[in-house]
N, C-alpha and C. Protein backbone atom coordinates (compact mmCIF):
# COMPACT_ATOMS: atom_id res chain seq x y z
N MET A 1 0.83 -1.21 0.00
CA MET A 1 0.00 0.00 0.00
C MET A 1 0.86 1.26 0.00
N ALA A 2 2.01 1.24 0.72
CA ALA A 2 2.84 2.42 0.87
C ALA A 2 3.44 2.89 -0.45
N MET A 3 3.57 1.97 -1.41
CA MET A 3 4.21 2.31 -2.68
C MET A 3 3.24 2.94 -3.66
N LEU A 4 1.98 2.89 -3.39
CA LEU A 4 0.98 3.46 -4.29
C LEU A 4 0.61 4.87 -3.84
N SER A 5 0.43 5.77 -4.81
CA SER A 5 0.00 7.13 -4.47
C SER A 5 -1.49 7.11 -4.13
N ASN A 6 -1.96 8.19 -3.48
CA ASN A 6 -3.38 8.30 -3.17
C ASN A 6 -4.22 8.26 -4.44
N LEU A 7 -3.72 8.85 -5.52
CA LEU A 7 -4.46 8.83 -6.79
C LEU A 7 -4.58 7.41 -7.32
N ASP A 8 -3.50 6.63 -7.22
CA ASP A 8 -3.55 5.23 -7.65
C ASP A 8 -4.61 4.47 -6.84
N LEU A 9 -4.62 4.72 -5.54
CA LEU A 9 -5.59 4.04 -4.67
C LEU A 9 -7.01 4.45 -5.01
N ILE A 10 -7.23 5.74 -5.23
CA ILE A 10 -8.56 6.25 -5.58
C ILE A 10 -9.06 5.59 -6.85
N ARG A 11 -8.19 5.45 -7.83
CA ARG A 11 -8.58 4.86 -9.11
C ARG A 11 -9.00 3.39 -8.98
N ARG A 12 -8.58 2.74 -7.91
CA ARG A 12 -8.93 1.33 -7.70
C ARG A 12 -10.27 1.16 -6.98
N VAL A 13 -10.85 2.26 -6.52
CA VAL A 13 -12.11 2.19 -5.77
C VAL A 13 -13.27 2.43 -6.73
N PRO A 14 -14.20 1.46 -6.87
CA PRO A 14 -15.32 1.62 -7.81
C PRO A 14 -16.13 2.89 -7.59
N LEU A 15 -16.25 3.34 -6.33
CA LEU A 15 -17.03 4.55 -6.03
C LEU A 15 -16.54 5.74 -6.83
N PHE A 16 -15.23 5.82 -7.10
CA PHE A 16 -14.65 6.98 -7.76
C PHE A 16 -14.33 6.73 -9.23
N SER A 17 -14.82 5.65 -9.79
CA SER A 17 -14.45 5.25 -11.15
C SER A 17 -14.91 6.23 -12.22
N LEU A 18 -15.98 6.99 -11.95
CA LEU A 18 -16.52 7.91 -12.95
C LEU A 18 -15.99 9.34 -12.80
N LEU A 19 -15.12 9.56 -11.84
CA LEU A 19 -14.58 10.91 -11.65
C LEU A 19 -13.63 11.28 -12.78
N THR A 20 -13.61 12.56 -13.12
CA THR A 20 -12.62 13.04 -14.08
C THR A 20 -11.25 13.02 -13.42
N THR A 21 -10.21 13.21 -14.21
CA THR A 21 -8.86 13.22 -13.66
C THR A 21 -8.70 14.31 -12.60
N ASP A 22 -9.23 15.49 -12.88
CA ASP A 22 -9.13 16.59 -11.92
C ASP A 22 -9.90 16.28 -10.64
N GLN A 23 -11.11 15.70 -10.78
CA GLN A 23 -11.90 15.35 -9.61
C GLN A 23 -11.20 14.28 -8.78
N ALA A 24 -10.67 13.27 -9.45
CA ALA A 24 -9.97 12.20 -8.75
C ALA A 24 -8.75 12.74 -8.01
N GLN A 25 -8.03 13.66 -8.65
CA GLN A 25 -6.86 14.25 -8.01
C GLN A 25 -7.25 15.07 -6.79
N SER A 26 -8.38 15.77 -6.89
CA SER A 26 -8.88 16.56 -5.76
C SER A 26 -9.20 15.67 -4.57
N VAL A 27 -9.85 14.53 -4.85
CA VAL A 27 -10.15 13.58 -3.77
C VAL A 27 -8.86 12.99 -3.22
N ALA A 28 -7.94 12.65 -4.11
CA ALA A 28 -6.67 12.05 -3.68
C ALA A 28 -5.88 13.00 -2.78
N ASP A 29 -5.97 14.29 -3.06
CA ASP A 29 -5.27 15.28 -2.25
C ASP A 29 -5.90 15.45 -0.88
N SER A 30 -7.16 15.00 -0.74
CA SER A 30 -7.91 15.24 0.50
C SER A 30 -7.95 14.03 1.44
N VAL A 31 -7.78 12.82 0.88
CA VAL A 31 -7.92 11.64 1.73
C VAL A 31 -6.66 11.40 2.57
N VAL A 32 -6.87 10.71 3.67
CA VAL A 32 -5.74 10.25 4.49
C VAL A 32 -5.89 8.75 4.67
N LYS A 33 -4.78 8.07 4.82
CA LYS A 33 -4.81 6.63 5.06
C LYS A 33 -4.86 6.39 6.56
N ARG A 34 -5.61 5.37 6.94
CA ARG A 34 -5.69 5.02 8.37
C ARG A 34 -5.78 3.50 8.51
N ARG A 35 -5.11 2.98 9.50
CA ARG A 35 -5.12 1.54 9.75
C ARG A 35 -5.90 1.25 11.03
N PHE A 36 -6.83 0.29 10.94
CA PHE A 36 -7.62 -0.12 12.09
C PHE A 36 -7.21 -1.53 12.51
N LYS A 37 -6.99 -1.72 13.80
CA LYS A 37 -6.64 -3.03 14.32
C LYS A 37 -7.88 -3.93 14.37
N ARG A 38 -7.66 -5.21 14.42
CA ARG A 38 -8.76 -6.15 14.57
C ARG A 38 -9.57 -5.82 15.83
N GLY A 39 -10.90 -5.71 15.66
CA GLY A 39 -11.79 -5.41 16.77
C GLY A 39 -12.00 -3.93 17.01
N GLU A 40 -11.26 -3.08 16.33
CA GLU A 40 -11.39 -1.63 16.54
C GLU A 40 -12.64 -1.11 15.81
N LEU A 41 -13.32 -0.15 16.44
CA LEU A 41 -14.51 0.43 15.83
C LEU A 41 -14.11 1.47 14.80
N ILE A 42 -14.73 1.37 13.63
CA ILE A 42 -14.51 2.35 12.57
C ILE A 42 -15.54 3.46 12.69
N VAL A 43 -16.80 3.11 12.81
CA VAL A 43 -17.85 4.05 13.19
C VAL A 43 -18.70 3.38 14.26
N GLU A 44 -19.37 4.19 15.06
CA GLU A 44 -20.18 3.67 16.16
C GLU A 44 -21.62 4.14 16.04
N GLN A 45 -22.54 3.21 16.19
CA GLN A 45 -23.97 3.50 16.11
C GLN A 45 -24.34 4.61 17.09
N GLY A 46 -25.13 5.59 16.59
CA GLY A 46 -25.59 6.68 17.45
C GLY A 46 -24.64 7.86 17.53
N THR A 47 -23.49 7.78 16.87
CA THR A 47 -22.54 8.89 16.86
C THR A 47 -22.32 9.38 15.43
N LYS A 48 -21.60 10.48 15.29
CA LYS A 48 -21.23 11.01 13.99
C LYS A 48 -19.71 11.00 13.87
N SER A 49 -19.21 10.57 12.74
CA SER A 49 -17.76 10.59 12.53
C SER A 49 -17.34 11.65 11.52
N ASN A 50 -18.33 12.20 10.76
CA ASN A 50 -18.06 13.27 9.80
C ASN A 50 -17.01 12.89 8.76
N ALA A 51 -17.04 11.65 8.32
CA ALA A 51 -16.08 11.21 7.32
C ALA A 51 -16.62 10.00 6.56
N LEU A 52 -16.09 9.82 5.36
CA LEU A 52 -16.35 8.63 4.55
C LEU A 52 -15.14 7.71 4.68
N PHE A 53 -15.40 6.42 4.93
CA PHE A 53 -14.34 5.43 5.11
C PHE A 53 -14.40 4.42 3.97
N ILE A 54 -13.30 4.27 3.25
CA ILE A 54 -13.25 3.37 2.10
C ILE A 54 -12.23 2.27 2.38
N LEU A 55 -12.67 1.00 2.31
CA LEU A 55 -11.77 -0.12 2.60
C LEU A 55 -10.78 -0.35 1.46
N LEU A 56 -9.51 -0.37 1.80
CA LEU A 56 -8.46 -0.71 0.85
C LEU A 56 -8.14 -2.20 0.91
N ASN A 57 -8.04 -2.71 2.12
CA ASN A 57 -7.84 -4.14 2.33
C ASN A 57 -8.38 -4.51 3.70
N GLY A 58 -8.46 -5.80 3.96
CA GLY A 58 -9.02 -6.25 5.23
C GLY A 58 -10.49 -6.56 5.11
N ARG A 59 -11.19 -6.51 6.23
CA ARG A 59 -12.60 -6.88 6.27
C ARG A 59 -13.25 -6.24 7.50
N ALA A 60 -14.49 -5.82 7.39
CA ALA A 60 -15.19 -5.19 8.52
C ALA A 60 -16.64 -5.64 8.54
N ARG A 61 -17.21 -5.66 9.74
CA ARG A 61 -18.61 -6.03 9.91
C ARG A 61 -19.46 -4.80 10.24
N VAL A 62 -20.62 -4.75 9.59
CA VAL A 62 -21.62 -3.74 9.93
C VAL A 62 -22.63 -4.42 10.83
N LEU A 63 -22.83 -3.89 12.03
CA LEU A 63 -23.72 -4.56 12.97
C LEU A 63 -24.50 -3.56 13.80
N THR A 64 -25.59 -4.05 14.36
CA THR A 64 -26.40 -3.25 15.28
C THR A 64 -26.67 -4.10 16.51
N ALA A 65 -26.98 -3.44 17.62
CA ALA A 65 -27.17 -4.15 18.88
C ALA A 65 -28.30 -3.52 19.67
N ASP A 66 -28.94 -4.33 20.52
CA ASP A 66 -29.97 -3.78 21.40
C ASP A 66 -29.33 -3.38 22.73
N ASN A 67 -30.18 -2.91 23.67
CA ASN A 67 -29.62 -2.42 24.93
C ASN A 67 -29.13 -3.53 25.85
N ARG A 68 -29.32 -4.78 25.43
CA ARG A 68 -28.78 -5.90 26.20
C ARG A 68 -27.50 -6.46 25.58
N GLY A 69 -27.04 -5.79 24.52
CA GLY A 69 -25.78 -6.19 23.91
C GLY A 69 -25.90 -7.27 22.85
N ARG A 70 -27.10 -7.69 22.51
CA ARG A 70 -27.27 -8.69 21.45
C ARG A 70 -27.03 -8.03 20.09
N GLU A 71 -26.23 -8.67 19.25
CA GLU A 71 -25.83 -8.08 17.99
C GLU A 71 -26.43 -8.80 16.79
N VAL A 72 -26.65 -8.04 15.73
CA VAL A 72 -27.07 -8.58 14.44
C VAL A 72 -26.11 -8.04 13.39
N ILE A 73 -25.54 -8.93 12.57
CA ILE A 73 -24.64 -8.51 11.50
C ILE A 73 -25.49 -8.13 10.28
N LEU A 74 -25.38 -6.88 9.85
CA LEU A 74 -26.14 -6.40 8.70
C LEU A 74 -25.39 -6.62 7.39
N ALA A 75 -24.07 -6.58 7.44
CA ALA A 75 -23.27 -6.76 6.22
C ALA A 75 -21.82 -7.01 6.61
N VAL A 76 -21.08 -7.60 5.68
CA VAL A 76 -19.63 -7.76 5.82
C VAL A 76 -18.99 -6.98 4.68
N LEU A 77 -18.13 -6.03 5.02
CA LEU A 77 -17.51 -5.14 4.03
C LEU A 77 -16.19 -5.70 3.55
N GLN A 78 -15.95 -5.59 2.25
CA GLN A 78 -14.73 -6.07 1.62
C GLN A 78 -14.01 -4.89 0.96
N PRO A 79 -12.77 -5.07 0.50
CA PRO A 79 -12.06 -3.98 -0.18
C PRO A 79 -12.89 -3.36 -1.29
N GLY A 80 -12.91 -2.02 -1.33
CA GLY A 80 -13.71 -1.28 -2.29
C GLY A 80 -15.03 -0.80 -1.72
N ASP A 81 -15.49 -1.43 -0.64
CA ASP A 81 -16.72 -0.98 0.02
C ASP A 81 -16.44 0.26 0.85
N TYR A 82 -17.49 0.96 1.23
CA TYR A 82 -17.33 2.19 2.00
C TYR A 82 -18.47 2.35 2.99
N VAL A 83 -18.24 3.14 4.03
CA VAL A 83 -19.24 3.40 5.07
C VAL A 83 -19.14 4.86 5.48
N GLY A 84 -20.23 5.34 6.09
CA GLY A 84 -20.27 6.71 6.59
C GLY A 84 -20.99 7.67 5.69
N GLU A 85 -21.34 7.22 4.46
CA GLU A 85 -21.95 8.14 3.50
C GLU A 85 -23.35 8.59 3.92
N MET A 86 -24.11 7.72 4.59
CA MET A 86 -25.47 8.09 4.99
C MET A 86 -25.46 9.25 5.96
N SER A 87 -24.58 9.17 6.96
CA SER A 87 -24.48 10.23 7.95
C SER A 87 -23.99 11.54 7.33
N LEU A 88 -23.13 11.44 6.34
CA LEU A 88 -22.64 12.64 5.68
C LEU A 88 -23.73 13.31 4.84
N ILE A 89 -24.61 12.51 4.26
CA ILE A 89 -25.66 13.06 3.39
C ILE A 89 -26.79 13.68 4.19
N ASP A 90 -27.25 13.00 5.26
CA ASP A 90 -28.40 13.55 6.00
C ASP A 90 -28.03 14.16 7.35
N ASN A 91 -26.73 14.14 7.69
CA ASN A 91 -26.24 14.75 8.94
C ASN A 91 -26.85 14.14 10.19
N GLU A 92 -27.24 12.87 10.11
CA GLU A 92 -27.78 12.15 11.26
C GLU A 92 -26.71 11.18 11.78
N PRO A 93 -26.87 10.72 13.03
CA PRO A 93 -25.90 9.75 13.56
C PRO A 93 -25.90 8.45 12.77
N HIS A 94 -24.82 7.71 12.89
CA HIS A 94 -24.72 6.41 12.21
C HIS A 94 -25.81 5.47 12.70
N SER A 95 -26.42 4.73 11.78
CA SER A 95 -27.49 3.79 12.13
C SER A 95 -26.95 2.43 12.54
N ALA A 96 -25.66 2.22 12.39
CA ALA A 96 -25.05 0.93 12.76
C ALA A 96 -23.59 1.16 13.13
N THR A 97 -23.02 0.16 13.76
CA THR A 97 -21.60 0.17 14.12
C THR A 97 -20.82 -0.63 13.08
N VAL A 98 -19.62 -0.18 12.76
CA VAL A 98 -18.74 -0.91 11.86
C VAL A 98 -17.46 -1.24 12.62
N ARG A 99 -17.13 -2.53 12.66
CA ARG A 99 -15.98 -3.01 13.42
C ARG A 99 -15.03 -3.78 12.50
N ALA A 100 -13.75 -3.49 12.61
CA ALA A 100 -12.75 -4.21 11.81
C ALA A 100 -12.69 -5.66 12.26
N GLU A 101 -12.86 -6.57 11.31
CA GLU A 101 -12.83 -8.00 11.63
C GLU A 101 -11.40 -8.52 11.63
N VAL A 102 -10.55 -7.90 10.82
CA VAL A 102 -9.11 -8.18 10.79
C VAL A 102 -8.43 -6.82 10.65
N GLN A 103 -7.12 -6.79 10.67
CA GLN A 103 -6.43 -5.52 10.43
C GLN A 103 -6.88 -4.96 9.08
N THR A 104 -7.31 -3.70 9.07
CA THR A 104 -7.96 -3.13 7.90
C THR A 104 -7.39 -1.74 7.61
N ASP A 105 -6.96 -1.53 6.37
CA ASP A 105 -6.48 -0.23 5.92
C ASP A 105 -7.61 0.49 5.18
N MET A 106 -7.74 1.79 5.46
CA MET A 106 -8.83 2.55 4.87
C MET A 106 -8.34 3.92 4.40
N LEU A 107 -9.08 4.46 3.43
CA LEU A 107 -8.93 5.87 3.07
C LEU A 107 -10.05 6.62 3.77
N VAL A 108 -9.74 7.77 4.33
CA VAL A 108 -10.73 8.56 5.06
C VAL A 108 -10.87 9.92 4.37
N LEU A 109 -12.11 10.25 3.99
CA LEU A 109 -12.42 11.51 3.32
C LEU A 109 -13.32 12.33 4.21
N GLY A 110 -12.90 13.54 4.57
CA GLY A 110 -13.65 14.38 5.49
C GLY A 110 -14.95 14.93 4.90
N ARG A 111 -15.78 15.49 5.78
CA ARG A 111 -17.10 15.98 5.38
C ARG A 111 -17.03 17.03 4.27
N GLN A 112 -16.20 18.04 4.43
CA GLN A 112 -16.15 19.11 3.45
C GLN A 112 -15.69 18.61 2.09
N GLU A 113 -14.70 17.74 2.10
CA GLU A 113 -14.20 17.19 0.84
C GLU A 113 -15.25 16.30 0.18
N PHE A 114 -15.98 15.52 1.00
CA PHE A 114 -17.05 14.67 0.48
C PHE A 114 -18.15 15.52 -0.14
N ALA A 115 -18.50 16.64 0.54
CA ALA A 115 -19.58 17.50 0.06
C ALA A 115 -19.27 18.07 -1.32
N ARG A 116 -18.00 18.31 -1.59
CA ARG A 116 -17.63 18.86 -2.90
C ARG A 116 -17.86 17.86 -4.03
N CYS A 117 -17.99 16.57 -3.68
CA CYS A 117 -18.24 15.54 -4.69
C CYS A 117 -19.73 15.35 -4.96
N LEU A 118 -20.58 16.00 -4.15
CA LEU A 118 -22.02 15.83 -4.27
C LEU A 118 -22.63 16.92 -5.14
N PRO A 119 -23.87 16.66 -5.65
CA PRO A 119 -24.58 17.73 -6.35
C PRO A 119 -24.98 18.82 -5.38
N GLU A 120 -25.36 19.99 -5.91
CA GLU A 120 -25.80 21.10 -5.05
C GLU A 120 -26.94 20.66 -4.14
N SER A 121 -26.93 21.16 -2.90
CA SER A 121 -27.93 20.73 -1.92
C SER A 121 -29.35 21.10 -2.32
N SER A 122 -29.50 22.09 -3.21
CA SER A 122 -30.83 22.49 -3.65
C SER A 122 -31.31 21.71 -4.88
N SER A 123 -30.48 20.82 -5.40
CA SER A 123 -30.83 20.10 -6.62
C SER A 123 -31.74 18.91 -6.33
N MET A 124 -32.43 18.46 -7.37
CA MET A 124 -33.30 17.30 -7.23
C MET A 124 -32.47 16.05 -6.94
N ALA A 125 -31.28 15.96 -7.53
CA ALA A 125 -30.42 14.79 -7.31
C ALA A 125 -30.09 14.66 -5.82
N TYR A 126 -29.80 15.78 -5.18
CA TYR A 126 -29.47 15.72 -3.75
C TYR A 126 -30.71 15.31 -2.94
N GLY A 127 -31.87 15.80 -3.36
CA GLY A 127 -33.11 15.40 -2.69
C GLY A 127 -33.36 13.91 -2.81
N ILE A 128 -33.05 13.35 -3.98
CA ILE A 128 -33.19 11.90 -4.18
C ILE A 128 -32.21 11.15 -3.28
N LEU A 129 -30.99 11.64 -3.17
CA LEU A 129 -30.01 11.01 -2.29
C LEU A 129 -30.51 10.95 -0.85
N ARG A 130 -31.05 12.05 -0.37
CA ARG A 130 -31.55 12.09 1.01
C ARG A 130 -32.73 11.13 1.18
N GLY A 131 -33.57 11.03 0.15
CA GLY A 131 -34.69 10.10 0.21
C GLY A 131 -34.22 8.65 0.27
N LEU A 132 -33.19 8.33 -0.51
CA LEU A 132 -32.64 6.97 -0.50
C LEU A 132 -32.02 6.65 0.85
N VAL A 133 -31.34 7.61 1.44
CA VAL A 133 -30.73 7.40 2.75
C VAL A 133 -31.82 7.13 3.80
N ALA A 134 -32.92 7.89 3.72
CA ALA A 134 -34.03 7.67 4.67
C ALA A 134 -34.58 6.25 4.54
N ARG A 135 -34.70 5.77 3.31
CA ARG A 135 -35.19 4.40 3.10
C ARG A 135 -34.21 3.37 3.65
N LEU A 136 -32.92 3.60 3.46
CA LEU A 136 -31.91 2.68 3.98
C LEU A 136 -31.94 2.64 5.50
N ARG A 137 -32.11 3.79 6.12
CA ARG A 137 -32.18 3.83 7.59
C ARG A 137 -33.41 3.05 8.08
N ASN A 138 -34.53 3.22 7.40
CA ASN A 138 -35.73 2.47 7.78
C ASN A 138 -35.52 0.97 7.60
N ALA A 139 -34.81 0.59 6.54
CA ALA A 139 -34.54 -0.83 6.31
C ALA A 139 -33.65 -1.40 7.42
N ASP A 140 -32.62 -0.64 7.81
CA ASP A 140 -31.76 -1.08 8.91
C ASP A 140 -32.56 -1.27 10.19
N ARG A 141 -33.45 -0.34 10.45
CA ARG A 141 -34.27 -0.40 11.66
C ARG A 141 -35.21 -1.60 11.63
N GLN A 142 -35.76 -1.88 10.44
CA GLN A 142 -36.66 -3.02 10.31
C GLN A 142 -35.92 -4.34 10.51
N ILE A 143 -34.72 -4.45 9.95
CA ILE A 143 -33.91 -5.66 10.13
C ILE A 143 -33.59 -5.85 11.61
N GLU A 144 -33.22 -4.76 12.26
CA GLU A 144 -32.91 -4.82 13.70
C GLU A 144 -34.11 -5.30 14.50
N SER A 145 -35.29 -4.77 14.18
CA SER A 145 -36.50 -5.16 14.89
C SER A 145 -36.82 -6.63 14.71
N LEU A 146 -36.74 -7.10 13.47
CA LEU A 146 -37.06 -8.50 13.18
C LEU A 146 -36.10 -9.45 13.89
N ALA A 147 -34.85 -9.02 14.01
CA ALA A 147 -33.84 -9.91 14.58
C ALA A 147 -33.78 -9.86 16.10
N LEU A 148 -34.05 -8.69 16.69
CA LEU A 148 -33.79 -8.52 18.11
C LEU A 148 -35.04 -8.39 18.99
N LEU A 149 -36.17 -8.04 18.39
CA LEU A 149 -37.37 -7.84 19.20
C LEU A 149 -38.36 -8.98 19.01
N ASP A 150 -39.12 -9.30 20.07
CA ASP A 150 -40.21 -10.25 19.92
C ASP A 150 -41.40 -9.54 19.27
N VAL A 151 -42.49 -10.27 19.03
CA VAL A 151 -43.64 -9.67 18.33
C VAL A 151 -44.18 -8.48 19.11
N TYR A 152 -44.23 -8.60 20.42
CA TYR A 152 -44.74 -7.51 21.27
C TYR A 152 -43.90 -6.25 21.03
N GLY A 153 -42.59 -6.41 21.05
CA GLY A 153 -41.71 -5.27 20.85
C GLY A 153 -41.80 -4.69 19.45
N ARG A 154 -41.97 -5.56 18.43
CA ARG A 154 -42.06 -5.08 17.05
C ARG A 154 -43.35 -4.31 16.82
N VAL A 155 -44.44 -4.78 17.41
CA VAL A 155 -45.71 -4.06 17.30
C VAL A 155 -45.59 -2.70 17.97
N ALA A 156 -45.00 -2.67 19.17
CA ALA A 156 -44.84 -1.42 19.90
C ALA A 156 -43.99 -0.43 19.12
N ARG A 157 -42.87 -0.89 18.55
CA ARG A 157 -42.01 0.00 17.79
C ARG A 157 -42.72 0.52 16.55
N THR A 158 -43.47 -0.34 15.87
CA THR A 158 -44.18 0.08 14.66
C THR A 158 -45.24 1.13 14.99
N LEU A 159 -45.96 0.94 16.09
CA LEU A 159 -46.95 1.94 16.51
C LEU A 159 -46.28 3.30 16.76
N LEU A 160 -45.14 3.28 17.42
CA LEU A 160 -44.42 4.53 17.69
C LEU A 160 -43.95 5.19 16.40
N ASP A 161 -43.50 4.38 15.45
CA ASP A 161 -43.05 4.92 14.16
C ASP A 161 -44.21 5.55 13.39
N MET A 162 -45.41 5.00 13.55
CA MET A 162 -46.58 5.50 12.82
C MET A 162 -47.18 6.74 13.46
N ALA A 163 -46.91 6.96 14.75
CA ALA A 163 -47.58 8.02 15.51
C ALA A 163 -47.04 9.41 15.20
N GLU A 164 -47.92 10.40 15.36
CA GLU A 164 -47.55 11.81 15.23
C GLU A 164 -47.76 12.49 16.58
N ASP A 165 -46.91 13.48 16.87
CA ASP A 165 -47.06 14.24 18.11
C ASP A 165 -48.14 15.30 17.93
N GLU A 166 -49.08 15.32 18.86
CA GLU A 166 -50.17 16.29 18.80
C GLU A 166 -50.58 16.69 20.21
N LYS A 167 -50.23 17.93 20.58
CA LYS A 167 -50.58 18.48 21.90
C LYS A 167 -50.13 17.57 23.04
N GLY A 168 -48.89 17.10 22.93
CA GLY A 168 -48.34 16.28 23.99
C GLY A 168 -48.70 14.82 23.93
N LEU A 169 -49.54 14.45 22.95
CA LEU A 169 -49.94 13.05 22.79
C LEU A 169 -49.37 12.48 21.49
N LYS A 170 -49.20 11.18 21.48
CA LYS A 170 -48.84 10.49 20.24
C LYS A 170 -50.09 9.84 19.70
N ILE A 171 -50.43 10.16 18.47
CA ILE A 171 -51.67 9.65 17.90
C ILE A 171 -51.43 9.16 16.47
N ILE A 172 -52.09 8.06 16.14
CA ILE A 172 -52.05 7.51 14.79
C ILE A 172 -53.39 7.80 14.13
N ARG A 173 -53.37 8.65 13.14
CA ARG A 173 -54.60 9.04 12.45
C ARG A 173 -55.06 7.93 11.51
N GLY A 174 -56.33 7.62 11.54
CA GLY A 174 -56.87 6.59 10.67
C GLY A 174 -56.79 5.22 11.31
N LYS A 175 -57.58 4.32 10.82
CA LYS A 175 -57.65 2.97 11.37
C LYS A 175 -56.35 2.21 11.16
N VAL A 176 -55.88 1.54 12.20
CA VAL A 176 -54.68 0.71 12.11
C VAL A 176 -55.08 -0.70 11.71
N SER A 177 -54.73 -1.08 10.48
CA SER A 177 -55.08 -2.41 9.98
C SER A 177 -54.21 -3.47 10.62
N ARG A 178 -54.86 -4.44 11.28
CA ARG A 178 -54.11 -5.54 11.89
C ARG A 178 -53.39 -6.37 10.83
N GLN A 179 -54.00 -6.51 9.68
CA GLN A 179 -53.40 -7.29 8.60
C GLN A 179 -52.14 -6.62 8.08
N ASP A 180 -52.21 -5.29 7.86
CA ASP A 180 -51.03 -4.56 7.40
C ASP A 180 -49.94 -4.57 8.46
N MET A 181 -50.33 -4.41 9.72
CA MET A 181 -49.36 -4.44 10.81
C MET A 181 -48.65 -5.79 10.85
N ALA A 182 -49.41 -6.86 10.65
CA ALA A 182 -48.83 -8.20 10.67
C ALA A 182 -47.77 -8.36 9.59
N LYS A 183 -48.02 -7.79 8.41
CA LYS A 183 -47.06 -7.88 7.32
C LYS A 183 -45.79 -7.07 7.63
N VAL A 184 -45.94 -5.96 8.33
CA VAL A 184 -44.79 -5.12 8.67
C VAL A 184 -43.90 -5.80 9.71
N VAL A 185 -44.52 -6.39 10.73
CA VAL A 185 -43.74 -6.95 11.85
C VAL A 185 -43.37 -8.42 11.66
N GLY A 186 -43.90 -9.04 10.60
CA GLY A 186 -43.56 -10.43 10.34
C GLY A 186 -44.21 -11.40 11.30
N ALA A 187 -45.49 -11.19 11.57
CA ALA A 187 -46.24 -12.07 12.48
C ALA A 187 -47.63 -12.30 11.91
N SER A 188 -48.39 -13.20 12.54
CA SER A 188 -49.75 -13.47 12.07
C SER A 188 -50.69 -12.34 12.51
N ARG A 189 -51.79 -12.22 11.79
CA ARG A 189 -52.80 -11.21 12.14
C ARG A 189 -53.34 -11.49 13.53
N GLU A 190 -53.53 -12.76 13.86
CA GLU A 190 -54.08 -13.12 15.16
C GLU A 190 -53.15 -12.69 16.29
N MET A 191 -51.83 -12.89 16.09
CA MET A 191 -50.86 -12.50 17.11
C MET A 191 -50.85 -10.99 17.30
N VAL A 192 -50.89 -10.25 16.20
CA VAL A 192 -50.92 -8.78 16.30
C VAL A 192 -52.18 -8.32 17.02
N SER A 193 -53.31 -8.95 16.71
CA SER A 193 -54.56 -8.58 17.37
C SER A 193 -54.48 -8.83 18.88
N ARG A 194 -53.85 -9.94 19.28
CA ARG A 194 -53.71 -10.23 20.71
C ARG A 194 -52.83 -9.19 21.40
N VAL A 195 -51.73 -8.80 20.74
CA VAL A 195 -50.84 -7.79 21.32
C VAL A 195 -51.56 -6.45 21.45
N MET A 196 -52.29 -6.06 20.41
CA MET A 196 -53.02 -4.79 20.44
C MET A 196 -54.07 -4.80 21.55
N LYS A 197 -54.78 -5.91 21.71
CA LYS A 197 -55.79 -6.01 22.76
C LYS A 197 -55.15 -5.93 24.14
N ASP A 198 -54.00 -6.58 24.29
CA ASP A 198 -53.29 -6.53 25.57
C ASP A 198 -52.87 -5.10 25.89
N LEU A 199 -52.39 -4.37 24.91
CA LEU A 199 -52.00 -2.99 25.11
C LEU A 199 -53.20 -2.12 25.49
N GLU A 200 -54.35 -2.40 24.88
CA GLU A 200 -55.56 -1.66 25.22
C GLU A 200 -56.05 -2.00 26.62
N ASP A 201 -56.02 -3.28 26.97
CA ASP A 201 -56.46 -3.71 28.31
C ASP A 201 -55.60 -3.08 29.41
N LYS A 202 -54.32 -2.87 29.11
CA LYS A 202 -53.41 -2.28 30.10
C LYS A 202 -53.48 -0.75 30.10
N GLY A 203 -54.28 -0.19 29.21
CA GLY A 203 -54.41 1.26 29.16
C GLY A 203 -53.25 1.97 28.50
N VAL A 204 -52.40 1.21 27.79
CA VAL A 204 -51.25 1.81 27.14
C VAL A 204 -51.68 2.55 25.87
N ILE A 205 -52.62 1.97 25.14
CA ILE A 205 -53.16 2.62 23.95
C ILE A 205 -54.68 2.66 24.05
N GLU A 206 -55.29 3.55 23.29
CA GLU A 206 -56.76 3.66 23.23
C GLU A 206 -57.17 3.83 21.78
N THR A 207 -58.10 3.00 21.33
CA THR A 207 -58.62 3.10 19.98
C THR A 207 -59.88 3.94 20.00
N LEU A 208 -59.88 5.03 19.24
CA LEU A 208 -61.03 5.93 19.19
C LEU A 208 -62.10 5.39 18.23
N GLU A 209 -63.27 6.01 18.28
CA GLU A 209 -64.39 5.54 17.45
C GLU A 209 -64.07 5.60 15.96
N ASN A 210 -63.27 6.58 15.56
CA ASN A 210 -62.93 6.69 14.13
C ASN A 210 -61.79 5.77 13.71
N GLY A 211 -61.30 4.95 14.66
CA GLY A 211 -60.23 4.01 14.34
C GLY A 211 -58.84 4.51 14.66
N SER A 212 -58.70 5.81 14.95
CA SER A 212 -57.39 6.34 15.32
C SER A 212 -56.93 5.74 16.64
N VAL A 213 -55.62 5.69 16.84
CA VAL A 213 -55.06 5.11 18.05
C VAL A 213 -54.26 6.16 18.81
N VAL A 214 -54.55 6.31 20.09
CA VAL A 214 -53.81 7.23 20.95
C VAL A 214 -52.88 6.41 21.83
N ILE A 215 -51.61 6.76 21.84
CA ILE A 215 -50.64 6.10 22.72
C ILE A 215 -50.57 6.90 24.01
N LYS A 216 -51.04 6.29 25.10
CA LYS A 216 -51.19 7.03 26.36
C LYS A 216 -50.02 6.86 27.30
N GLU A 217 -49.28 5.77 27.16
CA GLU A 217 -48.11 5.54 28.00
C GLU A 217 -46.96 5.07 27.14
N ARG A 218 -45.77 5.08 27.73
CA ARG A 218 -44.59 4.64 26.98
C ARG A 218 -44.73 3.16 26.63
N LEU A 219 -44.47 2.87 25.37
CA LEU A 219 -44.58 1.49 24.89
C LEU A 219 -43.28 0.73 25.16
N PRO A 220 -43.40 -0.53 25.58
CA PRO A 220 -42.21 -1.35 25.89
C PRO A 220 -41.62 -1.96 24.64
N HIS A 221 -40.81 -1.18 23.91
CA HIS A 221 -40.26 -1.68 22.64
C HIS A 221 -38.80 -2.00 22.69
N ASP A 222 -38.13 -1.84 23.85
CA ASP A 222 -36.71 -2.16 23.95
C ASP A 222 -36.53 -3.54 24.55
């Protein structure tokens, strides 16, 4: 790796394959090389690193965990893969943790340098990018729920995701279809109906005459 210039390394990364020579040189002038030891965190869920990390060699795991420390592997990254782009695009914390599985060399591109590679923030292309990132975050959250939460927890989390804040209350406008809920949480309609009834019996939620649902107490989704 030491014998190759940053430009040589950039040219080997598929992400930068369509850059012009000037653009590639600009990125090459901005990146720094960094080595991560086995087990070292590259990015951490819930934090911001303000950088794009591109794997040159080695291997890393993308994973998420619940508050009891149970982990789910979302992906295994190989040379040429990259992480951190979602947080850079929408300025939100990382949705997952990335840990080096073996000694891993990476190129690191800072926020300002990354932003210069993007379309203008007012453009439709940038709006599409932000929309795609939002979908990816929702997908990560759904995978985490299916893997780490029981049906009760998945129903509770889905209700919270559907709810809107209104005068200090969380309310879901319109009738909540048990069948649709079952498809979202990966359970039977009967199981979802039992969970919803249990939540109503405990006074946690209330179903109004028009079918809307009011969440009256904190839902046990962790």
